[in-house]
Amino acid sequence: MTEDLKNIIRKEADAILNIPLTDAYETAVNLIVKQVHHKKGKLVTSGMGKAGQIASNIATTFSSTGTSACFLHPSEAQHGDLGILRENDLMLLISNSGKTREIIELIDLARVLIPDIHFIVITSDENSPLSKGADVCLLTGNPQEVCALGLTPTTSTTVMTVIGDLLVVETMKKIEFNVSDYAKRHHGGYLGTISRERQNKE
């Protein structure tokens, strides 16, 4: 069993190493900085199912590192939550297939409300409807799921998470987010203690 577990780890690690790294990342980070930090909008993430859980996590990580962000459930958006969108907001949409109905519909609905809204997407298919509707497309490399059936989102969600981390970390560098900034957002728990200790040493 141990060897089987190592093989799963290898496959997921290989999938991460095979993420296509292009100039699209710089474009995406610059767009986030422009819309959120210069124009005072916010980053709104969205996705269905497991991709939605990753999108929610990305939003909270951005928020804790100085970039205002929130998660919008694509189904709830059709029942009034779309009203969270404001001028200068930017959307980060995640769909492995790039064909998720609720996400495609969300693009159309968002553009009715804010015609010039921008979209960054994370997907496996550069020719998908989601990709074609995006300003910036970040591809996953379409990794094979390590699930025994090849169906359950496993490797794909790992890769999505890493792509989110790439965006967060590069944005932190761009806005020069420091320990003092971090401490202001983390008052409790272990991270709050550590950040304050580091802040006091600087």
N, C-alpha and C. Protein backbone atom coordinates (compact mmCIF):
# COMPACT_ATOMS: atom_id res chain seq x y z
N MET A 1 0.82 -1.21 0.00
CA MET A 1 0.00 0.00 0.00
C MET A 1 0.86 1.26 0.00
N THR A 2 1.98 1.21 0.72
CA THR A 2 2.85 2.38 0.80
C THR A 2 3.32 2.80 -0.58
N GLU A 3 3.65 1.83 -1.42
CA GLU A 3 4.12 2.15 -2.77
C GLU A 3 3.00 2.76 -3.59
N ASP A 4 1.77 2.29 -3.38
CA ASP A 4 0.62 2.87 -4.08
C ASP A 4 0.44 4.33 -3.69
N LEU A 5 0.61 4.61 -2.41
CA LEU A 5 0.47 5.98 -1.94
C LEU A 5 1.55 6.88 -2.53
N LYS A 6 2.77 6.36 -2.59
CA LYS A 6 3.88 7.13 -3.18
C LYS A 6 3.60 7.43 -4.65
N ASN A 7 3.00 6.45 -5.33
CA ASN A 7 2.70 6.63 -6.74
C ASN A 7 1.65 7.73 -6.95
N ILE A 8 0.66 7.77 -6.05
CA ILE A 8 -0.35 8.84 -6.13
C ILE A 8 0.30 10.20 -5.93
N ILE A 9 1.20 10.27 -4.95
CA ILE A 9 1.90 11.54 -4.69
C ILE A 9 2.73 11.95 -5.89
N ARG A 10 3.41 10.98 -6.50
CA ARG A 10 4.23 11.28 -7.68
C ARG A 10 3.38 11.86 -8.81
N LYS A 11 2.22 11.24 -9.03
CA LYS A 11 1.35 11.69 -10.11
C LYS A 11 0.85 13.12 -9.86
N GLU A 12 0.49 13.41 -8.61
CA GLU A 12 0.02 14.75 -8.30
C GLU A 12 1.17 15.76 -8.40
N ALA A 13 2.35 15.36 -7.94
CA ALA A 13 3.52 16.24 -8.04
C ALA A 13 3.87 16.52 -9.49
N ASP A 14 3.80 15.49 -10.32
CA ASP A 14 4.08 15.66 -11.75
C ASP A 14 3.07 16.61 -12.40
N ALA A 15 1.82 16.49 -11.99
CA ALA A 15 0.78 17.36 -12.54
C ALA A 15 1.07 18.82 -12.19
N ILE A 16 1.54 19.06 -10.97
CA ILE A 16 1.89 20.42 -10.57
C ILE A 16 3.05 20.95 -11.41
N LEU A 17 4.07 20.11 -11.59
CA LEU A 17 5.25 20.52 -12.35
C LEU A 17 4.93 20.74 -13.82
N ASN A 18 3.82 20.15 -14.29
CA ASN A 18 3.44 20.29 -15.69
C ASN A 18 2.41 21.39 -15.94
N ILE A 19 2.12 22.21 -14.93
CA ILE A 19 1.23 23.35 -15.14
C ILE A 19 1.86 24.26 -16.19
N PRO A 20 1.15 24.58 -17.26
CA PRO A 20 1.71 25.47 -18.29
C PRO A 20 1.93 26.88 -17.73
N LEU A 21 3.18 27.30 -17.67
CA LEU A 21 3.51 28.63 -17.14
C LEU A 21 3.78 29.57 -18.31
N THR A 22 2.91 30.54 -18.48
CA THR A 22 2.99 31.47 -19.60
C THR A 22 2.92 32.91 -19.10
N ASP A 23 3.00 33.83 -20.04
CA ASP A 23 2.88 35.26 -19.71
C ASP A 23 1.50 35.60 -19.19
N ALA A 24 0.55 34.66 -19.32
CA ALA A 24 -0.81 34.91 -18.84
C ALA A 24 -0.82 35.17 -17.34
N TYR A 25 0.13 34.60 -16.60
CA TYR A 25 0.17 34.82 -15.16
C TYR A 25 0.51 36.28 -14.84
N GLU A 26 1.46 36.82 -15.56
CA GLU A 26 1.80 38.23 -15.34
C GLU A 26 0.63 39.12 -15.71
N THR A 27 -0.05 38.77 -16.80
CA THR A 27 -1.23 39.54 -17.22
C THR A 27 -2.31 39.48 -16.15
N ALA A 28 -2.53 38.28 -15.60
CA ALA A 28 -3.56 38.10 -14.58
C ALA A 28 -3.24 38.89 -13.32
N VAL A 29 -2.01 38.82 -12.86
CA VAL A 29 -1.60 39.53 -11.65
C VAL A 29 -1.72 41.04 -11.86
N ASN A 30 -1.28 41.52 -13.00
CA ASN A 30 -1.38 42.95 -13.29
C ASN A 30 -2.83 43.41 -13.32
N LEU A 31 -3.71 42.55 -13.82
CA LEU A 31 -5.13 42.88 -13.88
C LEU A 31 -5.73 42.94 -12.47
N ILE A 32 -5.32 42.01 -11.62
CA ILE A 32 -5.79 42.00 -10.23
C ILE A 32 -5.34 43.27 -9.52
N VAL A 33 -4.07 43.61 -9.68
CA VAL A 33 -3.53 44.82 -9.03
C VAL A 33 -4.24 46.06 -9.55
N LYS A 34 -4.46 46.13 -10.84
CA LYS A 34 -5.11 47.29 -11.45
C LYS A 34 -6.54 47.47 -10.93
N GLN A 35 -7.32 46.38 -11.00
CA GLN A 35 -8.74 46.49 -10.65
C GLN A 35 -8.98 46.63 -9.15
N VAL A 36 -8.21 45.88 -8.35
CA VAL A 36 -8.45 45.87 -6.91
C VAL A 36 -7.68 46.98 -6.18
N HIS A 37 -6.41 47.13 -6.50
CA HIS A 37 -5.57 48.06 -5.74
C HIS A 37 -5.53 49.48 -6.32
N HIS A 38 -5.70 49.60 -7.62
CA HIS A 38 -5.69 50.93 -8.21
C HIS A 38 -7.10 51.49 -8.39
N LYS A 39 -8.01 50.65 -8.85
CA LYS A 39 -9.38 51.11 -9.10
C LYS A 39 -10.33 50.83 -7.94
N LYS A 40 -9.82 50.17 -6.89
CA LYS A 40 -10.58 49.92 -5.66
C LYS A 40 -11.80 49.01 -5.86
N GLY A 41 -11.69 48.08 -6.80
CA GLY A 41 -12.71 47.06 -6.94
C GLY A 41 -12.35 45.88 -6.04
N LYS A 42 -12.92 44.72 -6.33
CA LYS A 42 -12.58 43.51 -5.56
C LYS A 42 -12.52 42.32 -6.51
N LEU A 43 -11.87 41.28 -6.07
CA LEU A 43 -11.79 40.04 -6.83
C LEU A 43 -12.93 39.15 -6.39
N VAL A 44 -13.76 38.71 -7.34
CA VAL A 44 -14.89 37.83 -7.04
C VAL A 44 -14.61 36.48 -7.69
N THR A 45 -14.47 35.44 -6.87
CA THR A 45 -14.19 34.11 -7.40
C THR A 45 -15.47 33.29 -7.48
N SER A 46 -15.48 32.29 -8.37
CA SER A 46 -16.67 31.44 -8.49
C SER A 46 -16.32 30.11 -9.13
N GLY A 47 -17.12 29.11 -8.81
CA GLY A 47 -16.97 27.78 -9.37
C GLY A 47 -18.06 26.89 -8.79
N MET A 48 -18.34 25.79 -9.46
CA MET A 48 -19.35 24.84 -8.99
C MET A 48 -18.68 23.61 -8.38
N GLY A 49 -19.33 23.02 -7.39
CA GLY A 49 -18.83 21.77 -6.82
C GLY A 49 -17.45 21.92 -6.21
N LYS A 50 -16.56 20.94 -6.49
CA LYS A 50 -15.21 20.97 -5.93
C LYS A 50 -14.46 22.20 -6.40
N ALA A 51 -14.65 22.61 -7.64
CA ALA A 51 -13.99 23.81 -8.15
C ALA A 51 -14.44 25.04 -7.38
N GLY A 52 -15.70 25.03 -6.95
CA GLY A 52 -16.21 26.13 -6.15
C GLY A 52 -15.54 26.20 -4.80
N GLN A 53 -15.26 25.04 -4.22
CA GLN A 53 -14.57 25.01 -2.92
C GLN A 53 -13.16 25.58 -3.06
N ILE A 54 -12.51 25.28 -4.17
CA ILE A 54 -11.18 25.83 -4.42
C ILE A 54 -11.28 27.34 -4.61
N ALA A 55 -12.29 27.78 -5.35
CA ALA A 55 -12.49 29.21 -5.60
C ALA A 55 -12.71 29.95 -4.29
N SER A 56 -13.48 29.36 -3.38
CA SER A 56 -13.73 29.97 -2.09
C SER A 56 -12.44 30.10 -1.29
N ASN A 57 -11.63 29.06 -1.32
CA ASN A 57 -10.35 29.08 -0.61
C ASN A 57 -9.42 30.15 -1.17
N ILE A 58 -9.40 30.27 -2.49
CA ILE A 58 -8.55 31.28 -3.13
C ILE A 58 -8.98 32.68 -2.68
N ALA A 59 -10.29 32.90 -2.60
CA ALA A 59 -10.80 34.21 -2.18
C ALA A 59 -10.35 34.55 -0.76
N THR A 60 -10.45 33.59 0.15
CA THR A 60 -10.06 33.87 1.53
C THR A 60 -8.55 34.10 1.65
N THR A 61 -7.77 33.39 0.85
CA THR A 61 -6.32 33.58 0.88
C THR A 61 -5.94 34.95 0.34
N PHE A 62 -6.60 35.38 -0.73
CA PHE A 62 -6.36 36.73 -1.25
C PHE A 62 -6.72 37.77 -0.20
N SER A 63 -7.87 37.62 0.44
CA SER A 63 -8.32 38.60 1.43
C SER A 63 -7.35 38.71 2.59
N SER A 64 -6.80 37.58 3.02
CA SER A 64 -5.88 37.60 4.16
C SER A 64 -4.51 38.15 3.80
N THR A 65 -4.26 38.32 2.52
CA THR A 65 -2.95 38.83 2.08
C THR A 65 -3.07 40.17 1.35
N GLY A 66 -4.11 40.91 1.70
CA GLY A 66 -4.18 42.30 1.26
C GLY A 66 -4.96 42.61 0.01
N THR A 67 -5.54 41.60 -0.62
CA THR A 67 -6.32 41.83 -1.84
C THR A 67 -7.78 41.49 -1.56
N SER A 68 -8.63 42.49 -1.58
CA SER A 68 -10.06 42.30 -1.26
C SER A 68 -10.69 41.30 -2.22
N ALA A 69 -11.28 40.25 -1.65
CA ALA A 69 -11.86 39.18 -2.49
C ALA A 69 -13.01 38.52 -1.76
N CYS A 70 -13.91 37.93 -2.55
CA CYS A 70 -15.02 37.18 -1.98
C CYS A 70 -15.44 36.09 -2.96
N PHE A 71 -16.18 35.11 -2.46
CA PHE A 71 -16.69 34.01 -3.29
C PHE A 71 -18.16 34.24 -3.61
N LEU A 72 -18.52 34.03 -4.86
CA LEU A 72 -19.91 34.13 -5.31
C LEU A 72 -20.34 32.78 -5.86
N HIS A 73 -21.34 32.16 -5.22
CA HIS A 73 -21.84 30.88 -5.73
C HIS A 73 -22.62 31.13 -7.02
N PRO A 74 -22.27 30.43 -8.10
CA PRO A 74 -22.91 30.71 -9.39
C PRO A 74 -24.42 30.49 -9.42
N SER A 75 -24.91 29.53 -8.64
CA SER A 75 -26.36 29.31 -8.60
C SER A 75 -27.05 30.39 -7.81
N GLU A 76 -26.47 30.76 -6.67
CA GLU A 76 -27.05 31.83 -5.86
C GLU A 76 -27.00 33.17 -6.59
N ALA A 77 -26.04 33.30 -7.49
CA ALA A 77 -25.94 34.54 -8.27
C ALA A 77 -27.20 34.77 -9.09
N GLN A 78 -27.83 33.68 -9.53
CA GLN A 78 -29.04 33.78 -10.33
C GLN A 78 -30.27 34.10 -9.49
N HIS A 79 -30.09 34.13 -8.18
CA HIS A 79 -31.22 34.40 -7.29
C HIS A 79 -30.95 35.62 -6.41
N GLY A 80 -30.20 36.58 -6.97
CA GLY A 80 -30.02 37.85 -6.29
C GLY A 80 -28.61 38.17 -5.84
N ASP A 81 -27.78 37.13 -5.60
CA ASP A 81 -26.44 37.40 -5.09
C ASP A 81 -25.53 38.06 -6.11
N LEU A 82 -25.95 38.10 -7.37
CA LEU A 82 -25.18 38.79 -8.40
C LEU A 82 -24.99 40.26 -8.03
N GLY A 83 -25.89 40.76 -7.20
CA GLY A 83 -25.83 42.16 -6.78
C GLY A 83 -24.58 42.52 -6.01
N ILE A 84 -23.77 41.53 -5.65
CA ILE A 84 -22.52 41.81 -4.95
C ILE A 84 -21.51 42.49 -5.87
N LEU A 85 -21.71 42.33 -7.19
CA LEU A 85 -20.78 42.92 -8.16
C LEU A 85 -20.93 44.42 -8.24
N ARG A 86 -19.79 45.09 -8.35
CA ARG A 86 -19.74 46.54 -8.48
C ARG A 86 -18.76 46.91 -9.60
N GLU A 87 -18.84 48.15 -10.04
CA GLU A 87 -17.90 48.65 -11.04
C GLU A 87 -16.46 48.41 -10.57
N ASN A 88 -15.61 48.05 -11.50
CA ASN A 88 -14.18 47.80 -11.27
C ASN A 88 -13.88 46.46 -10.61
N ASP A 89 -14.92 45.66 -10.29
CA ASP A 89 -14.67 44.31 -9.80
C ASP A 89 -14.09 43.45 -10.92
N LEU A 90 -13.45 42.39 -10.52
CA LEU A 90 -12.81 41.44 -11.44
C LEU A 90 -13.23 40.05 -11.01
N MET A 91 -13.50 39.17 -11.97
CA MET A 91 -13.94 37.82 -11.63
C MET A 91 -12.89 36.77 -11.97
N LEU A 92 -12.72 35.81 -11.06
CA LEU A 92 -11.87 34.64 -11.28
C LEU A 92 -12.76 33.42 -11.27
N LEU A 93 -12.93 32.80 -12.42
CA LEU A 93 -13.85 31.68 -12.57
C LEU A 93 -13.09 30.38 -12.79
N ILE A 94 -13.54 29.31 -12.12
CA ILE A 94 -12.85 28.02 -12.21
C ILE A 94 -13.80 26.93 -12.69
N SER A 95 -13.39 26.23 -13.73
CA SER A 95 -14.14 25.07 -14.23
C SER A 95 -13.16 24.17 -14.97
N ASN A 96 -13.01 22.94 -14.52
CA ASN A 96 -12.06 22.04 -15.15
C ASN A 96 -12.39 21.83 -16.62
N SER A 97 -13.65 21.58 -16.92
CA SER A 97 -14.05 21.33 -18.31
C SER A 97 -14.14 22.61 -19.12
N GLY A 98 -14.42 23.72 -18.44
CA GLY A 98 -14.64 24.97 -19.15
C GLY A 98 -16.02 25.03 -19.78
N LYS A 99 -16.87 24.07 -19.38
CA LYS A 99 -18.21 23.98 -19.96
C LYS A 99 -19.31 23.99 -18.91
N THR A 100 -18.96 24.22 -17.67
CA THR A 100 -19.95 24.21 -16.59
C THR A 100 -21.04 25.23 -16.85
N ARG A 101 -22.26 24.76 -16.96
CA ARG A 101 -23.38 25.62 -17.38
C ARG A 101 -23.53 26.85 -16.50
N GLU A 102 -23.50 26.64 -15.20
CA GLU A 102 -23.74 27.76 -14.29
C GLU A 102 -22.65 28.83 -14.41
N ILE A 103 -21.44 28.42 -14.71
CA ILE A 103 -20.34 29.38 -14.85
C ILE A 103 -20.45 30.16 -16.16
N ILE A 104 -20.81 29.45 -17.22
CA ILE A 104 -21.01 30.12 -18.51
C ILE A 104 -22.14 31.15 -18.39
N GLU A 105 -23.20 30.75 -17.72
CA GLU A 105 -24.33 31.67 -17.53
C GLU A 105 -23.92 32.86 -16.66
N LEU A 106 -23.04 32.62 -15.70
CA LEU A 106 -22.60 33.69 -14.82
C LEU A 106 -21.86 34.78 -15.59
N ILE A 107 -21.08 34.39 -16.58
CA ILE A 107 -20.40 35.37 -17.42
C ILE A 107 -21.42 36.29 -18.10
N ASP A 108 -22.44 35.67 -18.69
CA ASP A 108 -23.46 36.45 -19.39
C ASP A 108 -24.21 37.38 -18.43
N LEU A 109 -24.57 36.86 -17.26
CA LEU A 109 -25.30 37.66 -16.29
C LEU A 109 -24.45 38.82 -15.77
N ALA A 110 -23.19 38.55 -15.51
CA ALA A 110 -22.30 39.60 -15.00
C ALA A 110 -22.13 40.71 -16.02
N ARG A 111 -22.07 40.33 -17.29
CA ARG A 111 -21.88 41.34 -18.34
C ARG A 111 -23.14 42.18 -18.58
N VAL A 112 -24.29 41.62 -18.25
CA VAL A 112 -25.52 42.42 -18.33
C VAL A 112 -25.47 43.50 -17.25
N LEU A 113 -24.99 43.13 -16.08
CA LEU A 113 -24.92 44.06 -14.95
C LEU A 113 -23.78 45.07 -15.11
N ILE A 114 -22.60 44.55 -15.50
CA ILE A 114 -21.41 45.38 -15.68
C ILE A 114 -20.77 45.00 -17.02
N PRO A 115 -21.14 45.68 -18.09
CA PRO A 115 -20.72 45.30 -19.44
C PRO A 115 -19.21 45.16 -19.64
N ASP A 116 -18.41 45.95 -18.94
CA ASP A 116 -16.96 45.91 -19.17
C ASP A 116 -16.20 45.11 -18.11
N ILE A 117 -16.90 44.26 -17.37
CA ILE A 117 -16.24 43.48 -16.33
C ILE A 117 -15.23 42.51 -16.94
N HIS A 118 -14.12 42.28 -16.23
CA HIS A 118 -13.05 41.42 -16.73
C HIS A 118 -13.10 40.04 -16.06
N PHE A 119 -12.60 39.03 -16.80
CA PHE A 119 -12.62 37.65 -16.31
C PHE A 119 -11.26 36.99 -16.45
N ILE A 120 -10.81 36.37 -15.36
CA ILE A 120 -9.68 35.45 -15.39
C ILE A 120 -10.27 34.07 -15.19
N VAL A 121 -9.86 33.09 -15.97
CA VAL A 121 -10.41 31.74 -15.80
C VAL A 121 -9.29 30.72 -15.61
N ILE A 122 -9.61 29.69 -14.83
CA ILE A 122 -8.73 28.54 -14.66
C ILE A 122 -9.49 27.34 -15.20
N THR A 123 -8.93 26.68 -16.20
CA THR A 123 -9.61 25.57 -16.86
C THR A 123 -8.60 24.66 -17.54
N SER A 124 -9.06 23.50 -17.99
CA SER A 124 -8.17 22.56 -18.67
C SER A 124 -8.23 22.69 -20.19
N ASP A 125 -9.26 23.38 -20.69
CA ASP A 125 -9.52 23.40 -22.14
C ASP A 125 -9.46 24.82 -22.68
N GLU A 126 -8.42 25.12 -23.44
CA GLU A 126 -8.25 26.47 -23.98
C GLU A 126 -9.27 26.79 -25.07
N ASN A 127 -9.97 25.77 -25.58
CA ASN A 127 -10.98 26.00 -26.62
C ASN A 127 -12.40 25.94 -26.08
N SER A 128 -12.54 25.89 -24.79
CA SER A 128 -13.85 25.78 -24.17
C SER A 128 -14.60 27.11 -24.21
N PRO A 129 -15.92 27.07 -24.03
CA PRO A 129 -16.70 28.32 -23.98
C PRO A 129 -16.20 29.27 -22.90
N LEU A 130 -15.77 28.72 -21.76
CA LEU A 130 -15.27 29.57 -20.68
C LEU A 130 -14.00 30.30 -21.09
N SER A 131 -13.10 29.58 -21.75
CA SER A 131 -11.84 30.19 -22.20
C SER A 131 -12.10 31.31 -23.19
N LYS A 132 -13.04 31.06 -24.10
CA LYS A 132 -13.32 32.05 -25.14
C LYS A 132 -13.96 33.32 -24.58
N GLY A 133 -14.57 33.21 -23.39
CA GLY A 133 -15.20 34.38 -22.79
C GLY A 133 -14.31 35.12 -21.82
N ALA A 134 -13.03 34.71 -21.74
CA ALA A 134 -12.13 35.25 -20.72
C ALA A 134 -11.18 36.31 -21.26
N ASP A 135 -10.76 37.19 -20.37
CA ASP A 135 -9.68 38.13 -20.69
C ASP A 135 -8.34 37.43 -20.55
N VAL A 136 -8.23 36.56 -19.54
CA VAL A 136 -7.01 35.82 -19.28
C VAL A 136 -7.37 34.37 -18.98
N CYS A 137 -6.67 33.44 -19.60
CA CYS A 137 -6.93 32.01 -19.39
C CYS A 137 -5.69 31.33 -18.83
N LEU A 138 -5.84 30.71 -17.68
CA LEU A 138 -4.76 29.96 -17.04
C LEU A 138 -5.09 28.48 -17.12
N LEU A 139 -4.28 27.74 -17.85
CA LEU A 139 -4.57 26.33 -18.12
C LEU A 139 -3.96 25.42 -17.06
N THR A 140 -4.69 24.36 -16.75
CA THR A 140 -4.24 23.40 -15.73
C THR A 140 -3.27 22.36 -16.28
N GLY A 141 -3.23 22.20 -17.60
CA GLY A 141 -2.44 21.13 -18.19
C GLY A 141 -3.25 19.85 -18.35
N ASN A 142 -4.53 19.93 -17.97
CA ASN A 142 -5.46 18.81 -18.10
C ASN A 142 -4.91 17.51 -17.52
N PRO A 143 -4.53 17.51 -16.24
CA PRO A 143 -3.96 16.30 -15.64
C PRO A 143 -5.00 15.20 -15.47
N GLN A 144 -4.54 13.97 -15.51
CA GLN A 144 -5.41 12.83 -15.27
C GLN A 144 -5.68 12.71 -13.78
N GLU A 145 -6.93 12.49 -13.41
CA GLU A 145 -7.28 12.36 -12.00
C GLU A 145 -6.67 11.08 -11.42
N VAL A 146 -6.15 11.17 -10.19
CA VAL A 146 -5.58 9.98 -9.55
C VAL A 146 -6.66 9.08 -8.96
N CYS A 147 -7.90 9.57 -8.95
CA CYS A 147 -9.03 8.75 -8.53
C CYS A 147 -9.01 7.42 -9.29
N ALA A 148 -9.31 6.33 -8.59
CA ALA A 148 -9.27 5.00 -9.21
C ALA A 148 -10.19 4.90 -10.41
N LEU A 149 -11.23 5.72 -10.46
CA LEU A 149 -12.16 5.72 -11.58
C LEU A 149 -11.76 6.74 -12.66
N GLY A 150 -10.82 7.59 -12.32
CA GLY A 150 -10.42 8.65 -13.24
C GLY A 150 -11.48 9.73 -13.38
N LEU A 151 -12.37 9.83 -12.39
CA LEU A 151 -13.49 10.76 -12.49
C LEU A 151 -13.52 11.82 -11.38
N THR A 152 -13.30 11.39 -10.15
CA THR A 152 -13.41 12.30 -9.01
C THR A 152 -12.36 13.40 -9.07
N PRO A 153 -12.76 14.67 -8.92
CA PRO A 153 -11.77 15.76 -8.92
C PRO A 153 -10.76 15.55 -7.80
N THR A 154 -9.55 15.24 -8.17
CA THR A 154 -8.46 15.01 -7.22
C THR A 154 -7.23 15.78 -7.71
N THR A 155 -6.59 15.26 -8.74
CA THR A 155 -5.42 15.95 -9.29
C THR A 155 -5.78 17.32 -9.84
N SER A 156 -6.93 17.42 -10.48
CA SER A 156 -7.33 18.70 -11.07
C SER A 156 -7.52 19.77 -10.01
N THR A 157 -8.10 19.40 -8.86
CA THR A 157 -8.30 20.39 -7.81
C THR A 157 -6.98 20.75 -7.11
N THR A 158 -6.06 19.79 -7.06
CA THR A 158 -4.72 20.08 -6.52
C THR A 158 -4.06 21.15 -7.38
N VAL A 159 -4.13 20.96 -8.69
CA VAL A 159 -3.53 21.91 -9.62
C VAL A 159 -4.21 23.28 -9.53
N MET A 160 -5.54 23.29 -9.44
CA MET A 160 -6.26 24.56 -9.30
C MET A 160 -5.80 25.33 -8.07
N THR A 161 -5.60 24.59 -6.98
CA THR A 161 -5.14 25.21 -5.74
C THR A 161 -3.77 25.85 -5.91
N VAL A 162 -2.89 25.14 -6.58
CA VAL A 162 -1.54 25.65 -6.81
C VAL A 162 -1.58 26.89 -7.70
N ILE A 163 -2.41 26.87 -8.72
CA ILE A 163 -2.54 28.05 -9.60
C ILE A 163 -3.03 29.25 -8.78
N GLY A 164 -3.97 29.00 -7.89
CA GLY A 164 -4.43 30.06 -7.01
C GLY A 164 -3.29 30.60 -6.15
N ASP A 165 -2.46 29.70 -5.63
CA ASP A 165 -1.32 30.12 -4.81
C ASP A 165 -0.34 30.96 -5.62
N LEU A 166 -0.12 30.59 -6.88
CA LEU A 166 0.77 31.37 -7.74
C LEU A 166 0.26 32.81 -7.87
N LEU A 167 -1.03 32.95 -8.09
CA LEU A 167 -1.62 34.28 -8.24
C LEU A 167 -1.50 35.08 -6.94
N VAL A 168 -1.79 34.42 -5.82
CA VAL A 168 -1.72 35.10 -4.52
C VAL A 168 -0.31 35.58 -4.22
N VAL A 169 0.65 34.69 -4.34
CA VAL A 169 2.03 35.03 -3.97
C VAL A 169 2.59 36.12 -4.87
N GLU A 170 2.34 36.03 -6.17
CA GLU A 170 2.85 37.05 -7.09
C GLU A 170 2.17 38.40 -6.87
N THR A 171 0.89 38.35 -6.50
CA THR A 171 0.19 39.60 -6.19
C THR A 171 0.76 40.22 -4.91
N MET A 172 1.05 39.40 -3.91
CA MET A 172 1.67 39.90 -2.68
C MET A 172 2.98 40.63 -2.98
N LYS A 173 3.77 40.05 -3.87
CA LYS A 173 5.04 40.69 -4.24
C LYS A 173 4.78 42.03 -4.93
N LYS A 174 3.80 42.04 -5.79
CA LYS A 174 3.51 43.23 -6.59
C LYS A 174 3.05 44.40 -5.72
N ILE A 175 2.26 44.10 -4.67
CA ILE A 175 1.74 45.17 -3.82
C ILE A 175 2.64 45.39 -2.59
N GLU A 176 3.75 44.64 -2.54
CA GLU A 176 4.72 44.75 -1.45
C GLU A 176 4.06 44.53 -0.08
N PHE A 177 3.29 43.49 -0.01
CA PHE A 177 2.59 43.12 1.22
C PHE A 177 3.61 42.60 2.23
N ASN A 178 3.63 43.19 3.44
CA ASN A 178 4.66 42.84 4.42
C ASN A 178 4.09 42.25 5.70
N VAL A 179 4.98 41.95 6.64
CA VAL A 179 4.57 41.32 7.89
C VAL A 179 3.62 42.21 8.68
N SER A 180 3.88 43.51 8.66
CA SER A 180 3.00 44.46 9.36
C SER A 180 1.59 44.41 8.78
N ASP A 181 1.50 44.36 7.45
CA ASP A 181 0.19 44.27 6.79
C ASP A 181 -0.51 42.97 7.18
N TYR A 182 0.27 41.90 7.24
CA TYR A 182 -0.28 40.59 7.59
C TYR A 182 -0.82 40.59 9.02
N ALA A 183 -0.05 41.17 9.93
CA ALA A 183 -0.43 41.18 11.34
C ALA A 183 -1.74 41.94 11.57
N LYS A 184 -1.98 42.96 10.76
CA LYS A 184 -3.21 43.74 10.90
C LYS A 184 -4.45 42.91 10.56
N ARG A 185 -4.26 41.86 9.78
CA ARG A 185 -5.38 41.03 9.32
C ARG A 185 -5.49 39.72 10.10
N HIS A 186 -4.48 39.41 10.89
CA HIS A 186 -4.47 38.16 11.65
C HIS A 186 -4.25 38.46 13.13
N HIS A 187 -5.34 38.69 13.85
CA HIS A 187 -5.23 39.06 15.26
C HIS A 187 -5.24 37.86 16.18
N GLY A 188 -5.81 36.76 15.73
CA GLY A 188 -5.95 35.60 16.59
C GLY A 188 -5.17 34.40 16.10
N GLY A 189 -5.08 33.41 16.97
CA GLY A 189 -4.48 32.14 16.59
C GLY A 189 -2.97 32.19 16.46
N TYR A 190 -2.43 31.07 16.05
CA TYR A 190 -0.98 30.90 15.93
C TYR A 190 -0.37 31.90 14.96
N LEU A 191 -1.01 32.06 13.78
CA LEU A 191 -0.47 32.97 12.78
C LEU A 191 -0.46 34.41 13.27
N GLY A 192 -1.48 34.78 14.05
CA GLY A 192 -1.52 36.12 14.61
C GLY A 192 -0.36 36.35 15.56
N THR A 193 -0.08 35.36 16.39
CA THR A 193 1.03 35.47 17.34
C THR A 193 2.37 35.58 16.61
N ILE A 194 2.57 34.70 15.65
CA ILE A 194 3.84 34.68 14.91
C ILE A 194 4.04 35.98 14.13
N SER A 195 3.00 36.46 13.48
CA SER A 195 3.14 37.68 12.67
C SER A 195 3.46 38.89 13.55
N ARG A 196 2.84 38.95 14.74
CA ARG A 196 3.13 40.07 15.65
C ARG A 196 4.56 39.98 16.18
N GLU A 197 5.01 38.78 16.46
CA GLU A 197 6.38 38.61 16.94
C GLU A 197 7.38 39.04 15.87
N ARG A 198 7.12 38.67 14.64
CA ARG A 198 8.01 39.06 13.55
C ARG A 198 7.95 40.55 13.31
N GLN A 199 6.75 41.12 13.45
CA GLN A 199 6.59 42.55 13.28
C GLN A 199 7.42 43.33 14.32
N ASN A 200 7.41 42.85 15.55
CA ASN A 200 8.13 43.52 16.62
C ASN A 200 9.65 43.44 16.46
N LYS A 201 10.11 42.42 15.75
CA LYS A 201 11.54 42.25 15.52
C LYS A 201 12.07 43.15 14.42
N GLU A 202 11.14 43.63 13.56
CA GLU A 202 11.57 44.43 12.42
C GLU A 202 11.63 45.92 12.75
